[in-house]
PDB file of N, CA and C in Angstrom:
ATOM      1  N   UNK A   1      29.889   9.194  51.824  1.00  0.00           N
ATOM      2  CA  UNK A   1      28.558   9.925  50.805  1.00  0.00           C
ATOM      3  C   UNK A   1      27.296   9.081  51.183  1.00  0.00           C
ATOM      4  N   UNK A   2      25.679   9.977  51.536  1.00  0.00           N
ATOM      5  CA  UNK A   2      25.080   8.954  51.384  1.00  0.00           C
ATOM      6  C   UNK A   2      23.910   9.168  50.382  1.00  0.00           C
ATOM      7  N   UNK A   3      23.242   7.946  49.503  1.00  0.00           N
ATOM      8  CA  UNK A   3      22.257   8.384  48.647  1.00  0.00           C
ATOM      9  C   UNK A   3      20.956   8.234  49.383  1.00  0.00           C
ATOM     10  N   UNK A   4      19.915   9.228  48.268  1.00  0.00           N
ATOM     11  CA  UNK A   4      18.674   9.486  49.091  1.00  0.00           C
ATOM     12  C   UNK A   4      18.103   8.290  48.415  1.00  0.00           C
ATOM     13  N   UNK A   5      17.027   7.662  49.491  1.00  0.00           N
ATOM     14  CA  UNK A   5      16.702   6.363  49.385  1.00  0.00           C
ATOM     15  C   UNK A   5      15.781   7.079  47.907  1.00  0.00           C
ATOM     16  N   UNK A   6      15.268   7.772  47.445  1.00  0.00           N
ATOM     17  CA  UNK A   6      14.563   7.661  46.133  1.00  0.00           C
ATOM     18  C   UNK A   6      15.843   6.958  45.261  1.00  0.00           C
ATOM     19  N   UNK A   7      17.024   8.169  44.974  1.00  0.00           N
ATOM     20  CA  UNK A   7      18.105   7.247  43.852  1.00  0.00           C
ATOM     21  C   UNK A   7      18.192   6.106  44.518  1.00  0.00           C
ATOM     22  N   UNK A   8      18.193   5.216  45.299  1.00  0.00           N
ATOM     23  CA  UNK A   8      18.534   4.170  45.670  1.00  0.00           C
ATOM     24  C   UNK A   8      17.907   3.399  45.036  1.00  0.00           C
ATOM     25  N   UNK A   9      16.387   4.113  45.498  1.00  0.00           N
ATOM     26  CA  UNK A   9      15.104   3.052  44.617  1.00  0.00           C
ATOM     27  C   UNK A   9      15.210   2.630  43.277  1.00  0.00           C
ATOM     28  N   UNK A  10      15.341   4.248  42.254  1.00  0.00           N
ATOM     29  CA  UNK A  10      15.690   3.784  41.200  1.00  0.00           C
ATOM     30  C   UNK A  10      16.786   3.423  40.815  1.00  0.00           C
ATOM     31  N   UNK A  11      17.819   3.331  41.094  1.00  0.00           N
ATOM     32  CA  UNK A  11      19.315   2.303  41.253  1.00  0.00           C
ATOM     33  C   UNK A  11      18.381   0.570  41.000  1.00  0.00           C
ATOM     34  N   UNK A  12      17.677   0.560  41.690  1.00  0.00           N
ATOM     35  CA  UNK A  12      17.505  -0.916  42.426  1.00  0.00           C
ATOM     36  C   UNK A  12      16.714  -1.053  41.124  1.00  0.00           C
ATOM     37  N   UNK A  13      15.651  -0.254  40.515  1.00  0.00           N
ATOM     38  CA  UNK A  13      14.348  -0.190  39.224  1.00  0.00           C
ATOM     39  C   UNK A  13      15.331  -0.737  38.545  1.00  0.00           C
ATOM     40  N   UNK A  14      16.894   0.312  37.779  1.00  0.00           N
ATOM     41  CA  UNK A  14      17.119   0.547  37.057  1.00  0.00           C
ATOM     42  C   UNK A  14      17.903  -0.807  37.304  1.00  0.00           C
ATOM     43  N   UNK A  15      18.649  -1.507  37.576  1.00  0.00           N
ATOM     44  CA  UNK A  15      18.889  -2.839  37.775  1.00  0.00           C
ATOM     45  C   UNK A  15      18.274  -4.480  37.621  1.00  0.00           C
ATOM     46  N   UNK A  16      16.692  -3.936  37.842  1.00  0.00           N
ATOM     47  CA  UNK A  16      16.012  -5.145  37.713  1.00  0.00           C
ATOM     48  C   UNK A  16      15.530  -4.889  36.229  1.00  0.00           C
ATOM     49  N   UNK A  17      15.299  -3.838  35.493  1.00  0.00           N
ATOM     50  CA  UNK A  17      14.970  -3.959  34.387  1.00  0.00           C
ATOM     51  C   UNK A  17      16.145  -3.893  32.702  1.00  0.00           C
ATOM     52  N   UNK A  18      17.323  -4.206  33.721  1.00  0.00           N
ATOM     53  CA  UNK A  18      18.944  -4.725  32.968  1.00  0.00           C
ATOM     54  C   UNK A  18      18.450  -6.000  33.071  1.00  0.00           C
ATOM     55  N   UNK A  19      18.177  -6.672  34.449  1.00  0.00           N
ATOM     56  CA  UNK A  19      18.153  -8.297  34.017  1.00  0.00           C
ATOM     57  C   UNK A  19      17.254  -8.941  32.709  1.00  0.00           C
ATOM     58  N   UNK A  20      15.864  -8.289  33.065  1.00  0.00           N
ATOM     59  CA  UNK A  20      15.401  -8.306  32.768  1.00  0.00           C
ATOM     60  C   UNK A  20      15.124  -7.950  31.053  1.00  0.00           C
ATOM     61  N   UNK A  21      16.584  -7.503  30.479  1.00  0.00           N
ATOM     62  CA  UNK A  21      16.836  -7.228  29.468  1.00  0.00           C
ATOM     63  C   UNK A  21      17.598  -8.100  28.715  1.00  0.00           C
ATOM     64  N   UNK A  22      18.557  -8.588  29.900  1.00  0.00           N
ATOM     65  CA  UNK A  22      19.452  -9.314  29.372  1.00  0.00           C
ATOM     66  C   UNK A  22      18.736 -10.485  29.166  1.00  0.00           C
ATOM     67  N   UNK A  23      17.734 -11.043  29.763  1.00  0.00           N
ATOM     68  CA  UNK A  23      17.239 -12.515  29.710  1.00  0.00           C
ATOM     69  C   UNK A  23      16.321 -12.169  28.291  1.00  0.00           C
ATOM     70  N   UNK A  24      15.722 -11.574  28.156  1.00  0.00           N
ATOM     71  CA  UNK A  24      15.238 -10.897  26.166  1.00  0.00           C
ATOM     72  C   UNK A  24      16.044 -11.544  25.553  1.00  0.00           C
ATOM     73  N   UNK A  25      17.609 -10.274  25.652  1.00  0.00           N
ATOM     74  CA  UNK A  25      18.498 -10.236  24.464  1.00  0.00           C
ATOM     75  C   UNK A  25      18.977 -12.424  24.326  1.00  0.00           C
ATOM     76  N   UNK A  26      18.949 -12.972  25.123  1.00  0.00           N
ATOM     77  CA  UNK A  26      19.582 -14.197  25.568  1.00  0.00           C
ATOM     78  C   UNK A  26      18.811 -15.449  25.206  1.00  0.00           C
ATOM     79  N   UNK A  27      17.348 -14.691  25.176  1.00  0.00           N
ATOM     80  CA  UNK A  27      16.168 -15.560  24.232  1.00  0.00           C
ATOM     81  C   UNK A  27      15.772 -15.472  23.225  1.00  0.00           C
ATOM     82  N   UNK A  28      16.111 -14.317  22.372  1.00  0.00           N
ATOM     83  CA  UNK A  28      16.167 -13.781  21.091  1.00  0.00           C
ATOM     84  C   UNK A  28      17.405 -14.680  20.336  1.00  0.00           C
ATOM     85  N   UNK A  29      18.792 -14.657  21.129  1.00  0.00           N
ATOM     86  CA  UNK A  29      19.824 -15.079  20.444  1.00  0.00           C
ATOM     87  C   UNK A  29      19.760 -16.738  20.079  1.00  0.00           C
ATOM     88  N   UNK A  30      18.826 -17.186  20.976  1.00  0.00           N
ATOM     89  CA  UNK A  30      19.185 -18.571  20.933  1.00  0.00           C
ATOM     90  C   UNK A  30      18.998 -19.284  19.545  1.00  0.00           C
ATOM     91  N   UNK A  31      18.809 -20.435  19.744  1.00  0.00           N
ATOM     92  CA  UNK A  31      18.540 -20.894  18.167  1.00  0.00           C
ATOM     93  C   UNK A  31      17.099 -21.947  18.545  1.00  0.00           C
ATOM     94  N   UNK A  32      16.335 -21.469  17.314  1.00  0.00           N
ATOM     95  CA  UNK A  32      14.751 -21.793  17.754  1.00  0.00           C
ATOM     96  C   UNK A  32      15.037 -23.522  17.402  1.00  0.00           C
ATOM     97  N   UNK A  33      14.009 -23.982  18.005  1.00  0.00           N
ATOM     98  CA  UNK A  33      14.288 -25.833  18.210  1.00  0.00           C
ATOM     99  C   UNK A  33      14.103 -25.798  16.814  1.00  0.00           C
ATOM    100  N   UNK A  34      14.428 -27.251  16.176  1.00  0.00           N
ATOM    101  CA  UNK A  34      14.097 -27.639  15.267  1.00  0.00           C
ATOM    102  C   UNK A  34      12.649 -28.760  14.521  1.00  0.00           C
ATOM    103  N   UNK A  35      11.849 -28.326  13.423  1.00  0.00           N
ATOM    104  CA  UNK A  35      10.351 -28.229  13.384  1.00  0.00           C
ATOM    105  C   UNK A  35      10.349 -29.206  13.821  1.00  0.00           C
ATOM    106  N   UNK A  36       9.655 -30.427  14.422  1.00  0.00           N
ATOM    107  CA  UNK A  36       9.302 -31.556  14.571  1.00  0.00           C
ATOM    108  C   UNK A  36       8.632 -32.406  12.998  1.00  0.00           C
ATOM    109  N   UNK A  37       8.509 -31.455  12.208  1.00  0.00           N
ATOM    110  CA  UNK A  37       7.659 -32.394  10.996  1.00  0.00           C
ATOM    111  C   UNK A  37       8.686 -31.834   9.650  1.00  0.00           C
ATOM    112  N   UNK A  38       8.766 -32.140   8.630  1.00  0.00           N
ATOM    113  CA  UNK A  38       9.240 -31.506   7.361  1.00  0.00           C
ATOM    114  C   UNK A  38       8.079 -30.836   6.822  1.00  0.00           C
ATOM    115  N   UNK A  39       8.599 -30.656   5.782  1.00  0.00           N
ATOM    116  CA  UNK A  39       7.976 -29.842   4.944  1.00  0.00           C
ATOM    117  C   UNK A  39       6.794 -30.658   3.487  1.00  0.00           C
ATOM    118  N   UNK A  40       7.047 -32.081   3.723  1.00  0.00           N
ATOM    119  CA  UNK A  40       6.509 -32.769   3.190  1.00  0.00           C
ATOM    120  C   UNK A  40       5.741 -32.798   4.264  1.00  0.00           C
ATOM    121  N   UNK A  41       5.697 -33.151   5.060  1.00  0.00           N
ATOM    122  CA  UNK A  41       4.779 -33.900   6.176  1.00  0.00           C
ATOM    123  C   UNK A  41       3.659 -32.391   6.199  1.00  0.00           C
ATOM    124  N   UNK A  42       3.684 -31.498   6.073  1.00  0.00           N
ATOM    125  CA  UNK A  42       2.990 -30.095   6.086  1.00  0.00           C
ATOM    126  C   UNK A  42       2.229 -30.166   5.291  1.00  0.00           C
ATOM    127  N   UNK A  43       2.827 -30.549   3.786  1.00  0.00           N
ATOM    128  CA  UNK A  43       2.247 -30.543   2.483  1.00  0.00           C
ATOM    129  C   UNK A  43       1.199 -31.686   2.590  1.00  0.00           C
ATOM    130  N   UNK A  44       1.734 -32.987   2.793  1.00  0.00           N
ATOM    131  CA  UNK A  44       0.719 -34.389   2.622  1.00  0.00           C
ATOM    132  C   UNK A  44      -0.208 -33.971   3.775  1.00  0.00           C
ATOM    133  N   UNK A  45      -0.299 -33.277   5.001  1.00  0.00           N
ATOM    134  CA  UNK A  45      -1.515 -32.577   5.840  1.00  0.00           C
ATOM    135  C   UNK A  45      -2.498 -31.834   5.478  1.00  0.00           C
ATOM    136  N   UNK A  46      -1.776 -30.748   4.220  1.00  0.00           N
ATOM    137  CA  UNK A  46      -2.439 -29.737   3.758  1.00  0.00           C
ATOM    138  C   UNK A  46      -3.318 -30.558   2.834  1.00  0.00           C
ATOM    139  N   UNK A  47      -2.996 -31.366   2.217  1.00  0.00           N
ATOM    140  CA  UNK A  47      -3.944 -31.640   1.039  1.00  0.00           C
ATOM    141  C   UNK A  47      -4.932 -32.715   1.348  1.00  0.00           C
ATOM    142  N   UNK A  48      -4.372 -33.703   2.627  1.00  0.00           N
ATOM    143  CA  UNK A  48      -5.163 -34.819   3.408  1.00  0.00           C
ATOM    144  C   UNK A  48      -6.142 -33.495   3.962  1.00  0.00           C
ATOM    145  N   UNK A  49      -6.349 -32.576   3.887  1.00  0.00           N
ATOM    146  CA  UNK A  49      -7.608 -31.068   4.295  1.00  0.00           C
ATOM    147  C   UNK A  49      -8.316 -30.558   3.860  1.00  0.00           C
ATOM    148  N   UNK A  50      -8.089 -30.563   2.282  1.00  0.00           N
ATOM    149  CA  UNK A  50      -8.425 -30.369   1.068  1.00  0.00           C
ATOM    150  C   UNK A  50      -8.922 -31.319   0.849  1.00  0.00           C
ATOM    151  N   UNK A  51      -8.744 -32.613   0.796  1.00  0.00           N
ATOM    152  CA  UNK A  51      -9.841 -34.020   0.663  1.00  0.00           C
ATOM    153  C   UNK A  51     -11.069 -33.644   1.651  1.00  0.00           C
ATOM    154  N   UNK A  52     -10.692 -33.562   2.411  1.00  0.00           N
ATOM    155  CA  UNK A  52     -11.683 -34.002   3.990  1.00  0.00           C
ATOM    156  C   UNK A  52     -12.736 -32.936   3.629  1.00  0.00           C
ATOM    157  N   UNK A  53     -12.410 -31.432   3.399  1.00  0.00           N
ATOM    158  CA  UNK A  53     -13.154 -30.574   2.835  1.00  0.00           C
ATOM    159  C   UNK A  53     -14.319 -30.870   1.507  1.00  0.00           C
ATOM    160  N   UNK A  54     -13.369 -31.530   0.406  1.00  0.00           N
ATOM    161  CA  UNK A  54     -14.046 -31.917  -0.577  1.00  0.00           C
ATOM    162  C   UNK A  54     -14.616 -32.836  -0.223  1.00  0.00           C
ATOM    163  N   UNK A  55     -14.837 -34.016   0.144  1.00  0.00           N
ATOM    164  CA  UNK A  55     -15.840 -34.494   1.428  1.00  0.00           C
ATOM    165  C   UNK A  55     -16.983 -34.466   1.921  1.00  0.00           C
ATOM    166  N   UNK A  56     -16.724 -33.796   2.553  1.00  0.00           N
ATOM    167  CA  UNK A  56     -17.619 -32.427   3.411  1.00  0.00           C
ATOM    168  C   UNK A  56     -18.602 -32.034   2.670  1.00  0.00           C
ATOM    169  N   UNK A  57     -18.018 -30.963   1.835  1.00  0.00           N
ATOM    170  CA  UNK A  57     -19.205 -30.793   1.615  1.00  0.00           C
ATOM    171  C   UNK A  57     -19.990 -31.374   0.026  1.00  0.00           C
ATOM    172  N   UNK A  58     -19.003 -32.355  -0.772  1.00  0.00           N
ATOM    173  CA  UNK A  58     -20.014 -33.442  -0.983  1.00  0.00           C
ATOM    174  C   UNK A  58     -20.875 -34.284  -0.463  1.00  0.00           C
ATOM    175  N   UNK A  59     -20.666 -34.256   1.145  1.00  0.00           N
ATOM    176  CA  UNK A  59     -22.166 -35.574   1.850  1.00  0.00           C
ATOM    177  C   UNK A  59     -22.164 -34.145   2.070  1.00  0.00           C
ATOM    178  N   UNK A  60     -22.582 -33.143   2.411  1.00  0.00           N
ATOM    179  CA  UNK A  60     -23.278 -31.832   2.582  1.00  0.00           C
ATOM    180  C   UNK A  60     -24.853 -31.816   1.757  1.00  0.00           C
ATOM    181  N   UNK A  61     -23.671 -31.840   0.249  1.00  0.00           N
ATOM    182  CA  UNK A  61     -24.640 -31.076  -0.728  1.00  0.00           C
ATOM    183  C   UNK A  61     -25.813 -32.195  -0.813  1.00  0.00           C
ATOM    184  N   UNK A  62     -25.247 -33.844  -1.334  1.00  0.00           N
ATOM    185  CA  UNK A  62     -26.103 -35.012  -1.629  1.00  0.00           C
ATOM    186  C   UNK A  62     -27.499 -34.975  -0.131  1.00  0.00           C
ATOM    187  N   UNK A  63     -26.963 -34.866   1.028  1.00  0.00           N
ATOM    188  CA  UNK A  63     -28.393 -34.980   2.251  1.00  0.00           C
ATOM    189  C   UNK A  63     -28.615 -33.413   2.160  1.00  0.00           C
ATOM    190  N   UNK A  64     -28.564 -32.066   1.389  1.00  0.00           N
ATOM    191  CA  UNK A  64     -29.481 -30.628   1.267  1.00  0.00           C
ATOM    192  C   UNK A  64     -30.088 -31.234  -0.106  1.00  0.00           C
ATOM    193  N   UNK A  65     -29.828 -32.191  -0.808  1.00  0.00           N
ATOM    194  CA  UNK A  65     -30.360 -32.350  -1.819  1.00  0.00           C
ATOM    195  C   UNK A  65     -32.003 -33.206  -1.490  1.00  0.00           C
ATOM    196  N   UNK A  66     -31.387 -34.336  -1.067  1.00  0.00           N
ATOM    197  CA  UNK A  66     -32.256 -35.567  -0.121  1.00  0.00           C
ATOM    198  C   UNK A  66     -33.085 -34.795   0.526  1.00  0.00           C
ATOM    199  N   UNK A  67     -32.616 -33.920   0.645  1.00  0.00           N
ATOM    200  CA  UNK A  67     -34.234 -33.524   1.591  1.00  0.00           C
ATOM    201  C   UNK A  67     -33.305 -33.679   3.059  1.00  0.00           C
ATOM    202  N   UNK A  68     -32.399 -34.252   3.347  1.00  0.00           N
ATOM    203  CA  UNK A  68     -32.535 -34.712   4.736  1.00  0.00           C
ATOM    204  C   UNK A  68     -31.533 -33.338   6.054  1.00  0.00           C
ATOM    205  N   UNK A  69     -31.431 -32.363   5.256  1.00  0.00           N
ATOM    206  CA  UNK A  69     -31.090 -31.003   5.957  1.00  0.00           C
ATOM    207  C   UNK A  69     -31.239 -30.025   5.148  1.00  0.00           C
ATOM    208  N   UNK A  70     -31.750 -28.773   5.845  1.00  0.00           N
ATOM    209  CA  UNK A  70     -32.550 -27.783   5.494  1.00  0.00           C
ATOM    210  C   UNK A  70     -31.313 -26.381   5.410  1.00  0.00           C
ATOM    211  N   UNK A  71     -30.573 -26.669   5.872  1.00  0.00           N
ATOM    212  CA  UNK A  71     -29.561 -25.648   6.594  1.00  0.00           C
ATOM    213  C   UNK A  71     -28.428 -24.861   5.282  1.00  0.00           C
ATOM    214  N   UNK A  72     -29.469 -23.612   4.432  1.00  0.00           N
ATOM    215  CA  UNK A  72     -28.386 -23.730   3.389  1.00  0.00           C
ATOM    216  C   UNK A  72     -27.263 -22.210   3.860  1.00  0.00           C
ATOM    217  N   UNK A  73     -27.494 -21.996   5.073  1.00  0.00           N
ATOM    218  CA  UNK A  73     -26.518 -21.093   6.175  1.00  0.00           C
ATOM    219  C   UNK A  73     -25.041 -21.798   5.653  1.00  0.00           C
ATOM    220  N   UNK A  74     -24.932 -23.018   6.406  1.00  0.00           N
ATOM    221  CA  UNK A  74     -24.003 -23.782   6.775  1.00  0.00           C
ATOM    222  C   UNK A  74     -23.394 -24.223   5.597  1.00  0.00           C
ATOM    223  N   UNK A  75     -24.664 -24.916   4.394  1.00  0.00           N
ATOM    224  CA  UNK A  75     -24.036 -25.381   3.391  1.00  0.00           C
ATOM    225  C   UNK A  75     -23.172 -24.778   2.515  1.00  0.00           C
ATOM    226  N   UNK A  76     -23.652 -23.014   2.224  1.00  0.00           N
ATOM    227  CA  UNK A  76     -23.455 -22.171   1.549  1.00  0.00           C
ATOM    228  C   UNK A  76     -21.486 -22.046   2.034  1.00  0.00           C
ATOM    229  N   UNK A  77     -21.452 -21.664   3.785  1.00  0.00           N
ATOM    230  CA  UNK A  77     -20.335 -21.441   4.486  1.00  0.00           C
ATOM    231  C   UNK A  77     -19.733 -22.712   3.648  1.00  0.00           C
ATOM    232  N   UNK A  78     -19.818 -23.728   4.117  1.00  0.00           N
ATOM    233  CA  UNK A  78     -18.772 -25.093   3.590  1.00  0.00           C
ATOM    234  C   UNK A  78     -18.172 -25.348   2.418  1.00  0.00           C
ATOM    235  N   UNK A  79     -19.313 -25.184   0.607  1.00  0.00           N
ATOM    236  CA  UNK A  79     -18.802 -24.736  -0.321  1.00  0.00           C
ATOM    237  C   UNK A  79     -18.168 -23.577   0.079  1.00  0.00           C
ATOM    238  N   UNK A  80     -18.150 -22.597   0.294  1.00  0.00           N
ATOM    239  CA  UNK A  80     -17.054 -21.584   0.072  1.00  0.00           C
ATOM    240  C   UNK A  80     -15.734 -22.001   0.704  1.00  0.00           C
ATOM    241  N   UNK A  81     -15.660 -22.705   1.803  1.00  0.00           N
ATOM    242  CA  UNK A  81     -15.084 -22.698   2.493  1.00  0.00           C
ATOM    243  C   UNK A  81     -13.900 -23.900   1.250  1.00  0.00           C
ATOM    244  N   UNK A  82     -14.598 -25.104   1.622  1.00  0.00           N
ATOM    245  CA  UNK A  82     -14.189 -25.953   0.320  1.00  0.00           C
ATOM    246  C   UNK A  82     -14.015 -25.315  -0.847  1.00  0.00           C
ATOM    247  N   UNK A  83     -14.349 -24.733  -1.597  1.00  0.00           N
ATOM    248  CA  UNK A  83     -13.703 -23.716  -3.033  1.00  0.00           C
ATOM    249  C   UNK A  83     -12.932 -23.101  -3.040  1.00  0.00           C
ATOM    250  N   UNK A  84     -12.752 -22.068  -1.321  1.00  0.00           N
ATOM    251  CA  UNK A  84     -11.177 -21.407  -1.566  1.00  0.00           C
ATOM    252  C   UNK A  84      -9.939 -22.155  -1.355  1.00  0.00           C
ATOM    253  N   UNK A  85     -10.199 -23.466  -0.558  1.00  0.00           N
ATOM    254  CA  UNK A  85      -9.076 -24.732  -0.042  1.00  0.00           C
ATOM    255  C   UNK A  85      -9.011 -25.203  -1.866  1.00  0.00           C
ATOM    256  N   UNK A  86      -9.868 -25.327  -2.461  1.00  0.00           N
ATOM    257  CA  UNK A  86      -8.851 -25.946  -3.834  1.00  0.00           C
ATOM    258  C   UNK A  86      -8.445 -25.087  -4.551  1.00  0.00           C
ATOM    259  N   UNK A  87      -8.747 -24.035  -4.457  1.00  0.00           N
ATOM    260  CA  UNK A  87      -8.518 -22.710  -5.002  1.00  0.00           C
ATOM    261  C   UNK A  87      -7.370 -22.430  -4.870  1.00  0.00           C
ATOM    262  N   UNK A  88      -6.735 -22.455  -3.748  1.00  0.00           N
ATOM    263  CA  UNK A  88      -5.173 -21.925  -3.022  1.00  0.00           C
ATOM    264  C   UNK A  88      -4.171 -23.110  -3.313  1.00  0.00           C
ATOM    265  N   UNK A  89      -4.808 -24.166  -3.089  1.00  0.00           N
ATOM    266  CA  UNK A  89      -4.154 -25.713  -3.913  1.00  0.00           C
ATOM    267  C   UNK A  89      -3.965 -25.613  -5.034  1.00  0.00           C
ATOM    268  N   UNK A  90      -4.815 -25.295  -5.591  1.00  0.00           N
ATOM    269  CA  UNK A  90      -4.450 -24.950  -7.097  1.00  0.00           C
ATOM    270  C   UNK A  90      -3.434 -24.082  -7.371  1.00  0.00           C
ATOM    271  N   UNK A  91      -3.574 -22.757  -7.036  1.00  0.00           N
ATOM    272  CA  UNK A  91      -2.731 -21.980  -6.960  1.00  0.00           C
ATOM    273  C   UNK A  91      -1.394 -22.430  -6.535  1.00  0.00           C
ATOM    274  N   UNK A  92      -1.266 -23.009  -5.462  1.00  0.00           N
ATOM    275  CA  UNK A  92      -0.019 -23.406  -4.865  1.00  0.00           C
ATOM    276  C   UNK A  92       0.489 -24.447  -5.755  1.00  0.00           C
ATOM    277  N   UNK A  93      -0.135 -25.144  -6.293  1.00  0.00           N
ATOM    278  CA  UNK A  93       0.138 -26.211  -7.334  1.00  0.00           C
ATOM    279  C   UNK A  93       0.911 -25.431  -8.508  1.00  0.00           C
ATOM    280  N   UNK A  94       0.258 -24.469  -9.249  1.00  0.00           N
ATOM    281  CA  UNK A  94       0.791 -24.211 -10.175  1.00  0.00           C
ATOM    282  C   UNK A  94       1.939 -23.089 -10.207  1.00  0.00           C
ATOM    283  N   UNK A  95       2.719 -22.380  -8.801  1.00  0.00           N
ATOM    284  CA  UNK A  95       3.461 -21.967  -8.857  1.00  0.00           C
ATOM    285  C   UNK A  95       4.637 -23.072  -8.156  1.00  0.00           C
ATOM    286  N   UNK A  96       4.630 -24.298  -7.306  1.00  0.00           N
ATOM    287  CA  UNK A  96       5.620 -25.078  -7.876  1.00  0.00           C
ATOM    288  C   UNK A  96       6.035 -25.965  -9.198  1.00  0.00           C
ATOM    289  N   UNK A  97       5.525 -25.696  -9.830  1.00  0.00           N
ATOM    290  CA  UNK A  97       4.696 -26.622 -10.873  1.00  0.00           C
ATOM    291  C   UNK A  97       6.104 -25.412 -11.952  1.00  0.00           C
ATOM    292  N   UNK A  98       5.436 -23.890 -11.918  1.00  0.00           N
ATOM    293  CA  UNK A  98       6.615 -22.880 -12.504  1.00  0.00           C
ATOM    294  C   UNK A  98       7.897 -22.707 -11.655  1.00  0.00           C
ATOM    295  N   UNK A  99       8.073 -23.112 -10.521  1.00  0.00           N
ATOM    296  CA  UNK A  99       9.406 -22.606 -10.110  1.00  0.00           C
ATOM    297  C   UNK A  99      10.238 -24.151 -10.546  1.00  0.00           C
ATOM    298  N   UNK A 100       9.539 -25.575 -10.949  1.00  0.00           N
ATOM    299  CA  UNK A 100      10.414 -26.834 -11.235  1.00  0.00           C
ATOM    300  C   UNK A 100      10.453 -26.078 -12.826  1.00  0.00           C
ATOM    301  N   UNK A 101      10.148 -25.441 -13.783  1.00  0.00           N
ATOM    302  CA  UNK A 101       9.794 -25.437 -14.764  1.00  0.00           C
ATOM    303  C   UNK A 101      11.608 -24.395 -14.911  1.00  0.00           C
ATOM    304  N   UNK A 102      11.559 -23.624 -13.982  1.00  0.00           N
ATOM    305  CA  UNK A 102      12.353 -22.459 -14.190  1.00  0.00           C
ATOM    306  C   UNK A 102      13.589 -22.922 -13.811  1.00  0.00           C
ATOM    307  N   UNK A 103      13.674 -24.378 -12.335  1.00  0.00           N
ATOM    308  CA  UNK A 103      14.888 -25.252 -12.416  1.00  0.00           C
ATOM    309  C   UNK A 103      15.261 -25.968 -13.260  1.00  0.00           C
ATOM    310  N   UNK A 104      14.133 -26.288 -14.331  1.00  0.00           N
ATOM    311  CA  UNK A 104      14.762 -27.337 -15.557  1.00  0.00           C
ATOM    312  C   UNK A 104      15.835 -26.394 -16.547  1.00  0.00           C
ATOM    313  N   UNK A 105      15.071 -25.168 -17.063  1.00  0.00           N
ATOM    314  CA  UNK A 105      15.567 -24.338 -17.314  1.00  0.00           C
ATOM    315  C   UNK A 105      17.290 -23.967 -17.667  1.00  0.00           C
ATOM    316  N   UNK A 106      17.459 -23.921 -15.575  1.00  0.00           N
ATOM    317  CA  UNK A 106      18.658 -23.718 -15.661  1.00  0.00           C
ATOM    318  C   UNK A 106      19.977 -24.227 -16.055  1.00  0.00           C
ATOM    319  N   UNK A 107      20.626 -23.710 -16.585  1.00  0.00           N
ATOM    320  CA  UNK A 107      22.191 -24.271 -17.223  1.00  0.00           C
ATOM    321  C   UNK A 107      23.434 -23.977 -15.969  1.00  0.00           C
ATOM    322  N   UNK A 108      24.242 -25.314 -15.607  1.00  0.00           N
ATOM    323  CA  UNK A 108      25.198 -25.135 -14.459  1.00  0.00           C
ATOM    324  C   UNK A 108      26.373 -25.649 -15.381  1.00  0.00           C
TER     325      UNK A 108
END
């Protein structure tokens, strides 16, 4: 029984596709690598970034008030960024405190 070249080509394409599916499945089943840094380090980095934004904001306001710079657009963008970062930090802090209070209330 002879196979037509078209059928043979379709068979080869299907087998090639099956190999790539096996690779994708094996990749999805593999365990992800352990994070290089922990939650505490991420939290400290985030707080450091917020502090840097606040310091940069204060420097820009001072330089604008003293007349060293006149770029209102950049000043306003940095004020908004620093304000949003502080608002997000305050919100996260509130949620952490709320979770802590819930844990304290738990009875074992």
